């Protein structure tokens, strides 16, 4: 199963959701506008891969990120976000 988590660094404790998914065999892929180096160690370890975009409100950047993951990992089964 391939899951994309939008903004895995928000809220701060939601890395645990990604971690449990990964422990259960899910390929957890992150997309956000935060620099990779600003992510906590826990988030980095909970993700299979991270894709940084400059602006999450730019449809073409988000589409490109999802398309990249789809090309690399296959069908995306779920996209989750806690952004409003």
PDB file of N, CA and C in Angstrom:
ATOM      1  N   UNK A   1       0.847  -1.181   0.000  1.00  0.00           N
ATOM      2  CA  UNK A   1       0.000   0.000   0.000  1.00  0.00           C
ATOM      3  C   UNK A   1       0.887   1.235   0.000  1.00  0.00           C
ATOM      4  N   UNK A   2       0.555   2.198  -0.845  1.00  0.00           N
ATOM      5  CA  UNK A   2       1.282   3.458  -0.936  1.00  0.00           C
ATOM      6  C   UNK A   2       0.407   4.600  -0.445  1.00  0.00           C
ATOM      7  N   UNK A   3       0.889   5.319   0.543  1.00  0.00           N
ATOM      8  CA  UNK A   3       0.153   6.432   1.127  1.00  0.00           C
ATOM      9  C   UNK A   3       0.996   7.686   1.055  1.00  0.00           C
ATOM     10  N   UNK A   4       0.390   8.774   0.614  1.00  0.00           N
ATOM     11  CA  UNK A   4       1.053  10.077   0.639  1.00  0.00           C
ATOM     12  C   UNK A   4       0.483  10.864   1.803  1.00  0.00           C
ATOM     13  N   UNK A   5       1.383  11.366   2.633  1.00  0.00           N
ATOM     14  CA  UNK A   5       0.979  12.198   3.770  1.00  0.00           C
ATOM     15  C   UNK A   5       1.449  13.619   3.465  1.00  0.00           C
ATOM     16  N   UNK A   6       0.486  14.529   3.355  1.00  0.00           N
ATOM     17  CA  UNK A   6       0.792  15.932   3.090  1.00  0.00           C
ATOM     18  C   UNK A   6       1.147  16.608   4.419  1.00  0.00           C
ATOM     19  N   UNK A   7       2.275  17.275   4.450  1.00  0.00           N
ATOM     20  CA  UNK A   7       2.781  17.965   5.648  1.00  0.00           C
ATOM     21  C   UNK A   7       2.920  17.019   6.839  1.00  0.00           C
ATOM     22  N   UNK A   8       3.788  16.032   6.731  1.00  0.00           N
ATOM     23  CA  UNK A   8       3.929  15.082   7.837  1.00  0.00           C
ATOM     24  C   UNK A   8       4.459  15.726   9.120  1.00  0.00           C
ATOM     25  N   UNK A   9       4.957  16.941   9.039  1.00  0.00           N
ATOM     26  CA  UNK A   9       5.466  17.639  10.213  1.00  0.00           C
ATOM     27  C   UNK A   9       4.366  18.405  10.952  1.00  0.00           C
ATOM     28  N   UNK A  10       3.139  18.368  10.444  1.00  0.00           N
ATOM     29  CA  UNK A  10       2.037  19.126  11.058  1.00  0.00           C
ATOM     30  C   UNK A  10       0.831  18.233  11.259  1.00  0.00           C
ATOM     31  N   UNK A  11       0.229  18.269  12.419  1.00  0.00           N
ATOM     32  CA  UNK A  11       0.781  18.789  13.669  1.00  0.00           C
ATOM     33  C   UNK A  11       1.986  17.973  14.133  1.00  0.00           C
ATOM     34  N   UNK A  12       2.676  18.510  15.090  1.00  0.00           N
ATOM     35  CA  UNK A  12       3.970  17.983  15.508  1.00  0.00           C
ATOM     36  C   UNK A  12       3.962  16.488  15.853  1.00  0.00           C
ATOM     37  N   UNK A  13       2.905  15.994  16.452  1.00  0.00           N
ATOM     38  CA  UNK A  13       2.872  14.596  16.908  1.00  0.00           C
ATOM     39  C   UNK A  13       2.395  13.606  15.846  1.00  0.00           C
ATOM     40  N   UNK A  14       2.010  14.074  14.669  1.00  0.00           N
ATOM     41  CA  UNK A  14       1.431  13.160  13.682  1.00  0.00           C
ATOM     42  C   UNK A  14       2.448  12.289  12.975  1.00  0.00           C
ATOM     43  N   UNK A  15       3.723  12.493  13.260  1.00  0.00           N
ATOM     44  CA  UNK A  15       4.731  11.578  12.728  1.00  0.00           C
ATOM     45  C   UNK A  15       4.454  10.169  13.239  1.00  0.00           C
ATOM     46  N   UNK A  16       3.815  10.073  14.415  1.00  0.00           N
ATOM     47  CA  UNK A  16       3.524   8.757  14.985  1.00  0.00           C
ATOM     48  C   UNK A  16       2.555   7.965  14.090  1.00  0.00           C
ATOM     49  N   UNK A  17       1.616   8.645  13.473  1.00  0.00           N
ATOM     50  CA  UNK A  17       0.697   7.995  12.536  1.00  0.00           C
ATOM     51  C   UNK A  17       1.498   7.401  11.373  1.00  0.00           C
ATOM     52  N   UNK A  18       2.407   8.205  10.820  1.00  0.00           N
ATOM     53  CA  UNK A  18       3.265   7.726   9.723  1.00  0.00           C
ATOM     54  C   UNK A  18       4.124   6.558  10.176  1.00  0.00           C
ATOM     55  N   UNK A  19       4.644   6.644  11.370  1.00  0.00           N
ATOM     56  CA  UNK A  19       5.505   5.595  11.914  1.00  0.00           C
ATOM     57  C   UNK A  19       4.759   4.273  12.025  1.00  0.00           C
ATOM     58  N   UNK A  20       3.541   4.299  12.549  1.00  0.00           N
ATOM     59  CA  UNK A  20       2.770   3.060  12.712  1.00  0.00           C
ATOM     60  C   UNK A  20       2.397   2.467  11.361  1.00  0.00           C
ATOM     61  N   UNK A  21       2.081   3.335  10.408  1.00  0.00           N
ATOM     62  CA  UNK A  21       1.787   2.829   9.070  1.00  0.00           C
ATOM     63  C   UNK A  21       3.000   2.122   8.489  1.00  0.00           C
ATOM     64  N   UNK A  22       4.158   2.760   8.594  1.00  0.00           N
ATOM     65  CA  UNK A  22       5.380   2.164   8.059  1.00  0.00           C
ATOM     66  C   UNK A  22       5.676   0.840   8.757  1.00  0.00           C
ATOM     67  N   UNK A  23       5.478   0.768  10.072  1.00  0.00           N
ATOM     68  CA  UNK A  23       5.711  -0.475  10.817  1.00  0.00           C
ATOM     69  C   UNK A  23       4.795  -1.592  10.332  1.00  0.00           C
ATOM     70  N   UNK A  24       3.663  -1.223   9.762  1.00  0.00           N
ATOM     71  CA  UNK A  24       2.702  -2.206   9.269  1.00  0.00           C
ATOM     72  C   UNK A  24       2.803  -2.427   7.766  1.00  0.00           C
ATOM     73  N   UNK A  25       3.948  -2.045   7.187  1.00  0.00           N
ATOM     74  CA  UNK A  25       4.212  -2.374   5.797  1.00  0.00           C
ATOM     75  C   UNK A  25       3.751  -1.368   4.765  1.00  0.00           C
ATOM     76  N   UNK A  26       3.255  -0.228   5.200  1.00  0.00           N
ATOM     77  CA  UNK A  26       2.799   0.794   4.263  1.00  0.00           C
ATOM     78  C   UNK A  26       4.000   1.612   3.789  1.00  0.00           C
ATOM     79  N   UNK A  27       4.041   1.920   2.510  1.00  0.00           N
ATOM     80  CA  UNK A  27       5.043   2.840   1.981  1.00  0.00           C
ATOM     81  C   UNK A  27       4.508   4.243   2.216  1.00  0.00           C
ATOM     82  N   UNK A  28       5.127   4.978   3.141  1.00  0.00           N
ATOM     83  CA  UNK A  28       4.658   6.304   3.537  1.00  0.00           C
ATOM     84  C   UNK A  28       5.524   7.355   2.852  1.00  0.00           C
ATOM     85  N   UNK A  29       4.887   8.173   2.039  1.00  0.00           N
ATOM     86  CA  UNK A  29       5.570   9.182   1.243  1.00  0.00           C
ATOM     87  C   UNK A  29       5.101  10.563   1.685  1.00  0.00           C
ATOM     88  N   UNK A  30       6.015  11.472   1.922  1.00  0.00           N
ATOM     89  CA  UNK A  30       5.659  12.794   2.408  1.00  0.00           C
ATOM     90  C   UNK A  30       5.850  13.873   1.363  1.00  0.00           C
ATOM     91  N   UNK A  31       4.932  14.835   1.366  1.00  0.00           N
ATOM     92  CA  UNK A  31       5.044  16.023   0.529  1.00  0.00           C
ATOM     93  C   UNK A  31       4.773  17.229   1.416  1.00  0.00           C
ATOM     94  N   UNK A  32       5.656  18.230   1.346  1.00  0.00           N
ATOM     95  CA  UNK A  32       5.441  19.470   2.104  1.00  0.00           C
ATOM     96  C   UNK A  32       6.355  20.555   1.569  1.00  0.00           C
ATOM     97  N   UNK A  33       6.185  21.749   2.129  1.00  0.00           N
ATOM     98  CA  UNK A  33       7.027  22.871   1.736  1.00  0.00           C
ATOM     99  C   UNK A  33       8.165  23.115   2.727  1.00  0.00           C
ATOM    100  N   UNK A  34       8.268  22.306   3.734  1.00  0.00           N
ATOM    101  CA  UNK A  34       9.338  22.450   4.726  1.00  0.00           C
ATOM    102  C   UNK A  34      10.631  21.839   4.189  1.00  0.00           C
ATOM    103  N   UNK A  35      11.756  22.502   4.424  1.00  0.00           N
ATOM    104  CA  UNK A  35      13.040  21.902   4.018  1.00  0.00           C
ATOM    105  C   UNK A  35      13.258  20.565   4.725  1.00  0.00           C
ATOM    106  N   UNK A  36      13.845  19.618   4.019  1.00  0.00           N
ATOM    107  CA  UNK A  36      14.072  18.289   4.583  1.00  0.00           C
ATOM    108  C   UNK A  36      14.860  18.361   5.891  1.00  0.00           C
ATOM    109  N   UNK A  37      15.854  19.227   5.952  1.00  0.00           N
ATOM    110  CA  UNK A  37      16.689  19.332   7.151  1.00  0.00           C
ATOM    111  C   UNK A  37      15.936  19.860   8.371  1.00  0.00           C
ATOM    112  N   UNK A  38      14.776  20.489   8.148  1.00  0.00           N
ATOM    113  CA  UNK A  38      13.993  20.996   9.278  1.00  0.00           C
ATOM    114  C   UNK A  38      13.083  19.930   9.881  1.00  0.00           C
ATOM    115  N   UNK A  39      12.940  18.790   9.198  1.00  0.00           N
ATOM    116  CA  UNK A  39      12.093  17.713   9.723  1.00  0.00           C
ATOM    117  C   UNK A  39      12.791  17.016  10.875  1.00  0.00           C
ATOM    118  N   UNK A  40      12.007  16.591  11.843  1.00  0.00           N
ATOM    119  CA  UNK A  40      12.585  15.874  12.982  1.00  0.00           C
ATOM    120  C   UNK A  40      13.103  14.506  12.545  1.00  0.00           C
ATOM    121  N   UNK A  41      13.974  13.973  13.337  1.00  0.00           N
ATOM    122  CA  UNK A  41      14.528  12.636  13.082  1.00  0.00           C
ATOM    123  C   UNK A  41      13.405  11.604  12.994  1.00  0.00           C
ATOM    124  N   UNK A  42      12.404  11.731  13.851  1.00  0.00           N
ATOM    125  CA  UNK A  42      11.277  10.787  13.875  1.00  0.00           C
ATOM    126  C   UNK A  42      10.503  10.815  12.557  1.00  0.00           C
ATOM    127  N   UNK A  43      10.285  12.009  12.027  1.00  0.00           N
ATOM    128  CA  UNK A  43       9.570  12.109  10.754  1.00  0.00           C
ATOM    129  C   UNK A  43      10.390  11.470   9.640  1.00  0.00           C
ATOM    130  N   UNK A  44      11.664  11.804   9.578  1.00  0.00           N
ATOM    131  CA  UNK A  44      12.532  11.264   8.532  1.00  0.00           C
ATOM    132  C   UNK A  44      12.543   9.737   8.568  1.00  0.00           C
ATOM    133  N   UNK A  45      12.588   9.161   9.761  1.00  0.00           N
ATOM    134  CA  UNK A  45      12.615   7.707   9.888  1.00  0.00           C
ATOM    135  C   UNK A  45      11.264   7.070   9.580  1.00  0.00           C
ATOM    136  N   UNK A  46      10.189   7.851   9.667  1.00  0.00           N
ATOM    137  CA  UNK A  46       8.846   7.320   9.438  1.00  0.00           C
ATOM    138  C   UNK A  46       8.428   7.367   7.976  1.00  0.00           C
ATOM    139  N   UNK A  47       9.173   8.100   7.164  1.00  0.00           N
ATOM    140  CA  UNK A  47       8.847   8.237   5.751  1.00  0.00           C
ATOM    141  C   UNK A  47       9.755   7.366   4.898  1.00  0.00           C
ATOM    142  N   UNK A  48       9.209   6.827   3.851  1.00  0.00           N
ATOM    143  CA  UNK A  48      10.015   6.115   2.861  1.00  0.00           C
ATOM    144  C   UNK A  48      10.762   7.132   2.006  1.00  0.00           C
ATOM    145  N   UNK A  49      10.064   8.213   1.653  1.00  0.00           N
ATOM    146  CA  UNK A  49      10.682   9.273   0.859  1.00  0.00           C
ATOM    147  C   UNK A  49       9.920  10.572   1.087  1.00  0.00           C
ATOM    148  N   UNK A  50      10.609  11.679   0.884  1.00  0.00           N
ATOM    149  CA  UNK A  50      10.037  13.016   1.082  1.00  0.00           C
ATOM    150  C   UNK A  50      10.266  13.844  -0.173  1.00  0.00           C
ATOM    151  N   UNK A  51       9.242  14.592  -0.575  1.00  0.00           N
ATOM    152  CA  UNK A  51       9.319  15.467  -1.747  1.00  0.00           C
ATOM    153  C   UNK A  51       8.963  16.864  -1.291  1.00  0.00           C
ATOM    154  N   UNK A  52       9.890  17.794  -1.473  1.00  0.00           N
ATOM    155  CA  UNK A  52       9.648  19.175  -1.066  1.00  0.00           C
ATOM    156  C   UNK A  52       9.143  19.991  -2.247  1.00  0.00           C
ATOM    157  N   UNK A  53       8.097  20.763  -1.999  1.00  0.00           N
ATOM    158  CA  UNK A  53       7.581  21.717  -2.982  1.00  0.00           C
ATOM    159  C   UNK A  53       7.783  23.123  -2.415  1.00  0.00           C
ATOM    160  N   UNK A  54       7.832  24.109  -3.290  1.00  0.00           N
ATOM    161  CA  UNK A  54       7.989  25.490  -2.827  1.00  0.00           C
ATOM    162  C   UNK A  54       6.689  26.055  -2.276  1.00  0.00           C
ATOM    163  N   UNK A  55       5.576  25.660  -2.878  1.00  0.00           N
ATOM    164  CA  UNK A  55       4.293  26.228  -2.506  1.00  0.00           C
ATOM    165  C   UNK A  55       3.225  25.142  -2.605  1.00  0.00           C
ATOM    166  N   UNK A  56       2.661  24.764  -1.483  1.00  0.00           N
ATOM    167  CA  UNK A  56       1.660  23.691  -1.485  1.00  0.00           C
ATOM    168  C   UNK A  56       0.320  24.140  -2.064  1.00  0.00           C
ATOM    169  N   UNK A  57       0.149  25.428  -2.303  1.00  0.00           N
ATOM    170  CA  UNK A  57      -1.068  25.921  -2.943  1.00  0.00           C
ATOM    171  C   UNK A  57      -0.943  25.953  -4.463  1.00  0.00           C
ATOM    172  N   UNK A  58       0.229  25.606  -4.973  1.00  0.00           N
ATOM    173  CA  UNK A  58       0.460  25.561  -6.415  1.00  0.00           C
ATOM    174  C   UNK A  58       0.115  24.163  -6.917  1.00  0.00           C
ATOM    175  N   UNK A  59      -1.004  24.069  -7.622  1.00  0.00           N
ATOM    176  CA  UNK A  59      -1.504  22.772  -8.077  1.00  0.00           C
ATOM    177  C   UNK A  59      -0.463  22.017  -8.893  1.00  0.00           C
ATOM    178  N   UNK A  60       0.232  22.714  -9.777  1.00  0.00           N
ATOM    179  CA  UNK A  60       1.182  22.019 -10.647  1.00  0.00           C
ATOM    180  C   UNK A  60       2.343  21.417  -9.862  1.00  0.00           C
ATOM    181  N   UNK A  61       2.798  22.078  -8.810  1.00  0.00           N
ATOM    182  CA  UNK A  61       3.868  21.518  -7.980  1.00  0.00           C
ATOM    183  C   UNK A  61       3.387  20.282  -7.228  1.00  0.00           C
ATOM    184  N   UNK A  62       2.183  20.354  -6.682  1.00  0.00           N
ATOM    185  CA  UNK A  62       1.641  19.209  -5.950  1.00  0.00           C
ATOM    186  C   UNK A  62       1.360  18.048  -6.908  1.00  0.00           C
ATOM    187  N   UNK A  63       0.832  18.345  -8.081  1.00  0.00           N
ATOM    188  CA  UNK A  63       0.574  17.310  -9.078  1.00  0.00           C
ATOM    189  C   UNK A  63       1.878  16.621  -9.473  1.00  0.00           C
ATOM    190  N   UNK A  64       2.913  17.405  -9.699  1.00  0.00           N
ATOM    191  CA  UNK A  64       4.211  16.851 -10.083  1.00  0.00           C
ATOM    192  C   UNK A  64       4.752  15.936  -8.983  1.00  0.00           C
ATOM    193  N   UNK A  65       4.593  16.334  -7.720  1.00  0.00           N
ATOM    194  CA  UNK A  65       5.070  15.514  -6.604  1.00  0.00           C
ATOM    195  C   UNK A  65       4.333  14.179  -6.554  1.00  0.00           C
ATOM    196  N   UNK A  66       3.011  14.215  -6.673  1.00  0.00           N
ATOM    197  CA  UNK A  66       2.215  12.983  -6.651  1.00  0.00           C
ATOM    198  C   UNK A  66       2.550  12.118  -7.862  1.00  0.00           C
ATOM    199  N   UNK A  67       2.709  12.737  -9.015  1.00  0.00           N
ATOM    200  CA  UNK A  67       3.055  11.981 -10.230  1.00  0.00           C
ATOM    201  C   UNK A  67       4.424  11.311 -10.084  1.00  0.00           C
ATOM    202  N   UNK A  68       5.378  12.007  -9.482  1.00  0.00           N
ATOM    203  CA  UNK A  68       6.702  11.423  -9.251  1.00  0.00           C
ATOM    204  C   UNK A  68       6.591  10.175  -8.394  1.00  0.00           C
ATOM    205  N   UNK A  69       5.857  10.285  -7.275  1.00  0.00           N
ATOM    206  CA  UNK A  69       5.698   9.124  -6.395  1.00  0.00           C
ATOM    207  C   UNK A  69       4.959   7.994  -7.095  1.00  0.00           C
ATOM    208  N   UNK A  70       3.951   8.326  -7.872  1.00  0.00           N
ATOM    209  CA  UNK A  70       3.191   7.305  -8.598  1.00  0.00           C
ATOM    210  C   UNK A  70       4.076   6.588  -9.607  1.00  0.00           C
ATOM    211  N   UNK A  71       4.920   7.327 -10.302  1.00  0.00           N
ATOM    212  CA  UNK A  71       5.835   6.722 -11.265  1.00  0.00           C
ATOM    213  C   UNK A  71       6.834   5.812 -10.560  1.00  0.00           C
ATOM    214  N   UNK A  72       7.353   6.274  -9.426  1.00  0.00           N
ATOM    215  CA  UNK A  72       8.402   5.530  -8.726  1.00  0.00           C
ATOM    216  C   UNK A  72       7.873   4.344  -7.921  1.00  0.00           C
ATOM    217  N   UNK A  73       6.714   4.499  -7.280  1.00  0.00           N
ATOM    218  CA  UNK A  73       6.214   3.473  -6.357  1.00  0.00           C
ATOM    219  C   UNK A  73       4.961   2.755  -6.841  1.00  0.00           C
ATOM    220  N   UNK A  74       4.366   3.212  -7.909  1.00  0.00           N
ATOM    221  CA  UNK A  74       3.139   2.588  -8.395  1.00  0.00           C
ATOM    222  C   UNK A  74       1.907   3.315  -7.891  1.00  0.00           C
ATOM    223  N   UNK A  75       0.799   2.638  -7.992  1.00  0.00           N
ATOM    224  CA  UNK A  75      -0.499   3.213  -7.634  1.00  0.00           C
ATOM    225  C   UNK A  75      -0.472   3.804  -6.224  1.00  0.00           C
ATOM    226  N   UNK A  76      -1.004   5.007  -6.097  1.00  0.00           N
ATOM    227  CA  UNK A  76      -1.144   5.649  -4.792  1.00  0.00           C
ATOM    228  C   UNK A  76      -2.521   5.256  -4.252  1.00  0.00           C
ATOM    229  N   UNK A  77      -2.522   4.613  -3.094  1.00  0.00           N
ATOM    230  CA  UNK A  77      -3.772   4.105  -2.529  1.00  0.00           C
ATOM    231  C   UNK A  77      -4.508   5.129  -1.678  1.00  0.00           C
ATOM    232  N   UNK A  78      -3.775   6.064  -1.107  1.00  0.00           N
ATOM    233  CA  UNK A  78      -4.427   7.007  -0.196  1.00  0.00           C
ATOM    234  C   UNK A  78      -3.576   8.264  -0.102  1.00  0.00           C
ATOM    235  N   UNK A  79      -4.248   9.418   0.018  1.00  0.00           N
ATOM    236  CA  UNK A  79      -3.583  10.684   0.315  1.00  0.00           C
ATOM    237  C   UNK A  79      -4.229  11.237   1.567  1.00  0.00           C
ATOM    238  N   UNK A  80      -3.415  11.549   2.544  1.00  0.00           N
ATOM    239  CA  UNK A  80      -3.898  12.053   3.838  1.00  0.00           C
ATOM    240  C   UNK A  80      -3.282  13.411   4.122  1.00  0.00           C
ATOM    241  N   UNK A  81      -4.071  14.300   4.714  1.00  0.00           N
ATOM    242  CA  UNK A  81      -3.581  15.619   5.086  1.00  0.00           C
ATOM    243  C   UNK A  81      -4.353  16.130   6.287  1.00  0.00           C
ATOM    244  N   UNK A  82      -3.660  16.840   7.142  1.00  0.00           N
ATOM    245  CA  UNK A  82      -4.325  17.489   8.274  1.00  0.00           C
ATOM    246  C   UNK A  82      -4.336  19.000   8.101  1.00  0.00           C
ATOM    247  N   UNK A  83      -3.964  19.470   6.914  1.00  0.00           N
ATOM    248  CA  UNK A  83      -4.060  20.897   6.613  1.00  0.00           C
ATOM    249  C   UNK A  83      -5.525  21.239   6.360  1.00  0.00           C
ATOM    250  N   UNK A  84      -5.863  22.470   6.613  1.00  0.00           N
ATOM    251  CA  UNK A  84      -7.251  22.878   6.375  1.00  0.00           C
ATOM    252  C   UNK A  84      -7.377  23.611   5.083  1.00  0.00           C
TER     253      UNK A  84
END
